[in-house]
Structures are given as structure tokens and as C-alpha cells.
Amino acid sequence: MASNILIMSENKIMQQISAIFSVFMVIFYIGIGCFFVFYFDQTYLDKPIRVIMGSTFFFYGLYRAFRAYVQISKVFFSKDQDED
């Protein structure tokens, strides 16, 4: 029984680390998207390509932000049944 609680505790810690890492990835994706759309001024990429790539990164970052919000609210703010 004690090893089962230890395994569940380690699993919760890994889920919390994963949730925090996903926040950093959201910042990365939205930042890269904004960089491609607004600040990337190299001549070897045309503007339509930059806008397509940037908007893809940006909207994927928004999707990841929603998923990270759901994961964080589940991992950090939900009551566990086994912590009696």
C-alpha cells in the first residue's frame, strides 16, 4: 500500500513538472509566432511564408495555452481522492 502511494505521488510530481513546462512552451510558441509575423526581416523568406509560419505558431501556442490551463487546473487545483 505504501509503495502504491509513493508511485501516485511521483506521478503527480511528474504531471506538475509537465504542466509547468507546458507554460514555457506556450510562451515559446506565441513568441516565435509574433517574431515571424512582426520582426523577422530576412530577405530569403517571403512575407506570405512568414505570416503563414508565424500564424501557425501563434495559433498552436493558443491551443497549447488552453491545454496547459486545463492541465494546470486539474493537477494543481483538484482534490485528490487518495489524500484522506
N, C-alpha and C. Protein backbone atom coordinates (compact mmCIF):
# COMPACT_ATOMS: atom_id res chain seq x y z
N MET A 1 0.81 -1.19 0.00
CA MET A 1 0.00 0.00 0.00
C MET A 1 0.86 1.26 0.00
N ALA A 2 1.95 1.25 0.78
CA ALA A 2 2.82 2.43 0.85
C ALA A 2 3.52 2.67 -0.48
N SER A 3 3.92 1.60 -1.17
CA SER A 3 4.58 1.80 -2.46
C SER A 3 3.61 2.33 -3.50
N ASN A 4 2.32 1.95 -3.39
CA ASN A 4 1.31 2.47 -4.30
C ASN A 4 1.12 3.97 -4.11
N ILE A 5 1.13 4.44 -2.87
CA ILE A 5 1.02 5.87 -2.59
C ILE A 5 2.26 6.60 -3.10
N LEU A 6 3.44 5.99 -2.94
CA LEU A 6 4.67 6.60 -3.43
C LEU A 6 4.64 6.73 -4.95
N ILE A 7 4.16 5.72 -5.64
CA ILE A 7 4.08 5.78 -7.10
C ILE A 7 3.10 6.86 -7.54
N MET A 8 1.95 6.98 -6.86
CA MET A 8 0.98 8.02 -7.21
C MET A 8 1.54 9.40 -6.92
N SER A 9 2.34 9.53 -5.86
CA SER A 9 2.96 10.81 -5.52
C SER A 9 3.97 11.21 -6.59
N GLU A 10 4.79 10.26 -7.03
CA GLU A 10 5.76 10.54 -8.09
C GLU A 10 5.06 10.89 -9.39
N ASN A 11 3.96 10.22 -9.68
CA ASN A 11 3.21 10.51 -10.89
C ASN A 11 2.64 11.93 -10.84
N LYS A 12 2.15 12.36 -9.69
CA LYS A 12 1.61 13.72 -9.56
C LYS A 12 2.72 14.75 -9.71
N ILE A 13 3.89 14.48 -9.17
CA ILE A 13 5.02 15.40 -9.33
C ILE A 13 5.40 15.53 -10.80
N MET A 14 5.43 14.43 -11.52
CA MET A 14 5.76 14.47 -12.95
C MET A 14 4.69 15.24 -13.73
N GLN A 15 3.44 15.09 -13.36
CA GLN A 15 2.37 15.84 -14.02
C GLN A 15 2.51 17.34 -13.74
N GLN A 16 2.91 17.69 -12.54
CA GLN A 16 3.10 19.10 -12.20
C GLN A 16 4.27 19.69 -12.98
N ILE A 17 5.36 18.93 -13.10
CA ILE A 17 6.51 19.40 -13.87
C ILE A 17 6.13 19.55 -15.33
N SER A 18 5.37 18.61 -15.85
CA SER A 18 4.92 18.68 -17.24
C SER A 18 4.02 19.90 -17.46
N ALA A 19 3.17 20.20 -16.50
CA ALA A 19 2.28 21.36 -16.63
C ALA A 19 3.07 22.66 -16.64
N ILE A 20 4.07 22.76 -15.78
CA ILE A 20 4.90 23.96 -15.74
C ILE A 20 5.72 24.09 -17.02
N PHE A 21 6.25 22.99 -17.53
CA PHE A 21 7.00 23.02 -18.78
C PHE A 21 6.10 23.45 -19.94
N SER A 22 4.84 23.04 -19.91
CA SER A 22 3.94 23.41 -21.00
C SER A 22 3.70 24.92 -21.02
N VAL A 23 3.75 25.58 -19.88
CA VAL A 23 3.61 27.04 -19.85
C VAL A 23 4.79 27.69 -20.58
N PHE A 24 6.00 27.19 -20.35
CA PHE A 24 7.16 27.72 -21.05
C PHE A 24 7.06 27.48 -22.55
N MET A 25 6.53 26.34 -22.94
CA MET A 25 6.36 26.06 -24.37
C MET A 25 5.31 26.98 -25.00
N VAL A 26 4.28 27.32 -24.25
CA VAL A 26 3.28 28.28 -24.74
C VAL A 26 3.93 29.62 -25.01
N ILE A 27 4.75 30.08 -24.07
CA ILE A 27 5.45 31.36 -24.25
C ILE A 27 6.36 31.28 -25.47
N PHE A 28 7.04 30.15 -25.66
CA PHE A 28 7.92 29.98 -26.81
C PHE A 28 7.14 30.04 -28.12
N TYR A 29 6.06 29.26 -28.23
CA TYR A 29 5.30 29.22 -29.49
C TYR A 29 4.68 30.56 -29.83
N ILE A 30 4.10 31.23 -28.86
CA ILE A 30 3.50 32.54 -29.14
C ILE A 30 4.58 33.57 -29.47
N GLY A 31 5.72 33.49 -28.80
CA GLY A 31 6.83 34.39 -29.09
C GLY A 31 7.40 34.19 -30.48
N ILE A 32 7.60 32.94 -30.88
CA ILE A 32 8.11 32.66 -32.23
C ILE A 32 7.10 33.10 -33.28
N GLY A 33 5.80 32.89 -33.01
CA GLY A 33 4.78 33.33 -33.95
C GLY A 33 4.79 34.83 -34.14
N CYS A 34 4.87 35.58 -33.05
CA CYS A 34 4.93 37.05 -33.15
C CYS A 34 6.22 37.50 -33.82
N PHE A 35 7.31 36.82 -33.54
CA PHE A 35 8.58 37.17 -34.17
C PHE A 35 8.52 37.00 -35.67
N PHE A 36 7.96 35.88 -36.14
CA PHE A 36 7.87 35.66 -37.58
C PHE A 36 6.96 36.68 -38.25
N VAL A 37 5.86 37.01 -37.62
CA VAL A 37 4.90 37.92 -38.26
C VAL A 37 5.39 39.37 -38.23
N PHE A 38 5.95 39.82 -37.10
CA PHE A 38 6.21 41.25 -36.95
C PHE A 38 7.68 41.65 -37.05
N TYR A 39 8.63 40.80 -36.66
CA TYR A 39 10.01 41.26 -36.52
C TYR A 39 11.02 40.58 -37.42
N PHE A 40 10.67 39.53 -38.10
CA PHE A 40 11.63 38.79 -38.90
C PHE A 40 11.75 39.47 -40.26
N ASP A 41 12.88 40.12 -40.54
CA ASP A 41 13.06 40.89 -41.78
C ASP A 41 14.21 40.36 -42.63
N GLN A 42 14.31 39.07 -42.79
CA GLN A 42 15.33 38.50 -43.66
C GLN A 42 14.78 38.43 -45.09
N THR A 43 15.66 38.55 -46.04
CA THR A 43 15.21 38.61 -47.43
C THR A 43 14.97 37.24 -48.03
N TYR A 44 15.44 36.18 -47.41
CA TYR A 44 15.31 34.86 -48.01
C TYR A 44 13.96 34.20 -47.71
N LEU A 45 13.11 34.79 -46.90
CA LEU A 45 11.75 34.31 -46.70
C LEU A 45 10.76 35.39 -47.12
N ASP A 46 9.84 35.02 -47.98
CA ASP A 46 8.82 35.98 -48.42
C ASP A 46 7.85 36.26 -47.28
N LYS A 47 7.19 37.41 -47.38
CA LYS A 47 6.25 37.81 -46.34
C LYS A 47 5.09 36.83 -46.19
N PRO A 48 4.48 36.31 -47.27
CA PRO A 48 3.38 35.34 -47.06
C PRO A 48 3.82 34.07 -46.32
N ILE A 49 5.03 33.62 -46.60
CA ILE A 49 5.55 32.43 -45.90
C ILE A 49 5.74 32.74 -44.42
N ARG A 50 6.29 33.93 -44.12
CA ARG A 50 6.49 34.31 -42.73
C ARG A 50 5.17 34.44 -41.98
N VAL A 51 4.15 35.00 -42.65
CA VAL A 51 2.86 35.17 -42.00
C VAL A 51 2.20 33.81 -41.77
N ILE A 52 2.31 32.90 -42.73
CA ILE A 52 1.74 31.56 -42.57
C ILE A 52 2.43 30.82 -41.43
N MET A 53 3.77 30.86 -41.42
CA MET A 53 4.51 30.18 -40.35
C MET A 53 4.22 30.83 -39.00
N GLY A 54 4.23 32.15 -38.95
CA GLY A 54 4.01 32.85 -37.69
C GLY A 54 2.62 32.64 -37.14
N SER A 55 1.63 32.69 -38.02
CA SER A 55 0.26 32.49 -37.53
C SER A 55 0.04 31.05 -37.09
N THR A 56 0.70 30.10 -37.75
CA THR A 56 0.62 28.70 -37.33
C THR A 56 1.21 28.53 -35.93
N PHE A 57 2.39 29.08 -35.71
CA PHE A 57 2.99 29.01 -34.37
C PHE A 57 2.12 29.71 -33.34
N PHE A 58 1.58 30.87 -33.69
CA PHE A 58 0.77 31.64 -32.75
C PHE A 58 -0.49 30.88 -32.36
N PHE A 59 -1.21 30.35 -33.35
CA PHE A 59 -2.46 29.65 -33.03
C PHE A 59 -2.19 28.31 -32.33
N TYR A 60 -1.07 27.66 -32.67
CA TYR A 60 -0.71 26.46 -31.93
C TYR A 60 -0.36 26.81 -30.48
N GLY A 61 0.27 27.96 -30.27
CA GLY A 61 0.54 28.42 -28.92
C GLY A 61 -0.73 28.69 -28.14
N LEU A 62 -1.74 29.25 -28.80
CA LEU A 62 -3.03 29.47 -28.13
C LEU A 62 -3.69 28.14 -27.77
N TYR A 63 -3.60 27.17 -28.68
CA TYR A 63 -4.14 25.85 -28.38
C TYR A 63 -3.42 25.22 -27.20
N ARG A 64 -2.09 25.32 -27.20
CA ARG A 64 -1.32 24.78 -26.08
C ARG A 64 -1.62 25.53 -24.78
N ALA A 65 -1.91 26.82 -24.87
CA ALA A 65 -2.27 27.59 -23.67
C ALA A 65 -3.57 27.06 -23.07
N PHE A 66 -4.54 26.77 -23.92
CA PHE A 66 -5.78 26.20 -23.42
C PHE A 66 -5.54 24.84 -22.78
N ARG A 67 -4.76 23.98 -23.44
CA ARG A 67 -4.48 22.66 -22.89
C ARG A 67 -3.68 22.78 -21.58
N ALA A 68 -2.74 23.73 -21.51
CA ALA A 68 -1.96 23.92 -20.29
C ALA A 68 -2.86 24.40 -19.15
N TYR A 69 -3.82 25.28 -19.45
CA TYR A 69 -4.75 25.75 -18.44
C TYR A 69 -5.57 24.58 -17.88
N VAL A 70 -6.05 23.73 -18.76
CA VAL A 70 -6.83 22.57 -18.31
C VAL A 70 -5.96 21.64 -17.46
N GLN A 71 -4.73 21.41 -17.92
CA GLN A 71 -3.84 20.50 -17.18
C GLN A 71 -3.46 21.10 -15.82
N ILE A 72 -3.17 22.38 -15.77
CA ILE A 72 -2.79 23.01 -14.50
C ILE A 72 -3.96 23.01 -13.53
N SER A 73 -5.15 23.31 -14.03
CA SER A 73 -6.30 23.31 -13.12
C SER A 73 -6.60 21.91 -12.61
N LYS A 74 -6.32 20.89 -13.43
CA LYS A 74 -6.55 19.52 -12.98
C LYS A 74 -5.48 19.07 -11.98
N VAL A 75 -4.23 19.37 -12.26
CA VAL A 75 -3.13 18.86 -11.43
C VAL A 75 -2.98 19.65 -10.13
N PHE A 76 -3.07 20.97 -10.20
CA PHE A 76 -2.78 21.78 -9.02
C PHE A 76 -4.01 22.10 -8.18
N PHE A 77 -5.18 22.19 -8.77
CA PHE A 77 -6.34 22.70 -8.04
C PHE A 77 -7.46 21.70 -7.85
N SER A 78 -7.26 20.44 -8.18
CA SER A 78 -8.31 19.46 -7.96
C SER A 78 -8.02 18.67 -6.69
N LYS A 79 -9.05 18.23 -6.05
CA LYS A 79 -8.92 17.43 -4.84
C LYS A 79 -8.62 15.99 -5.23
N ASP A 80 -7.63 15.41 -4.59
CA ASP A 80 -7.31 14.00 -4.83
C ASP A 80 -8.15 13.13 -3.92
N GLN A 81 -8.59 12.00 -4.43
CA GLN A 81 -9.40 11.08 -3.65
C GLN A 81 -8.55 10.28 -2.66
N ASP A 82 -7.24 10.13 -2.97
CA ASP A 82 -6.40 9.27 -2.16
C ASP A 82 -5.68 10.01 -1.03
N GLU A 83 -5.87 11.31 -0.90
CA GLU A 83 -5.16 12.08 0.13
C GLU A 83 -6.00 12.27 1.39
N ASP A 84 -6.68 11.24 1.83
CA ASP A 84 -7.52 11.33 3.04
C ASP A 84 -6.74 11.39 4.29
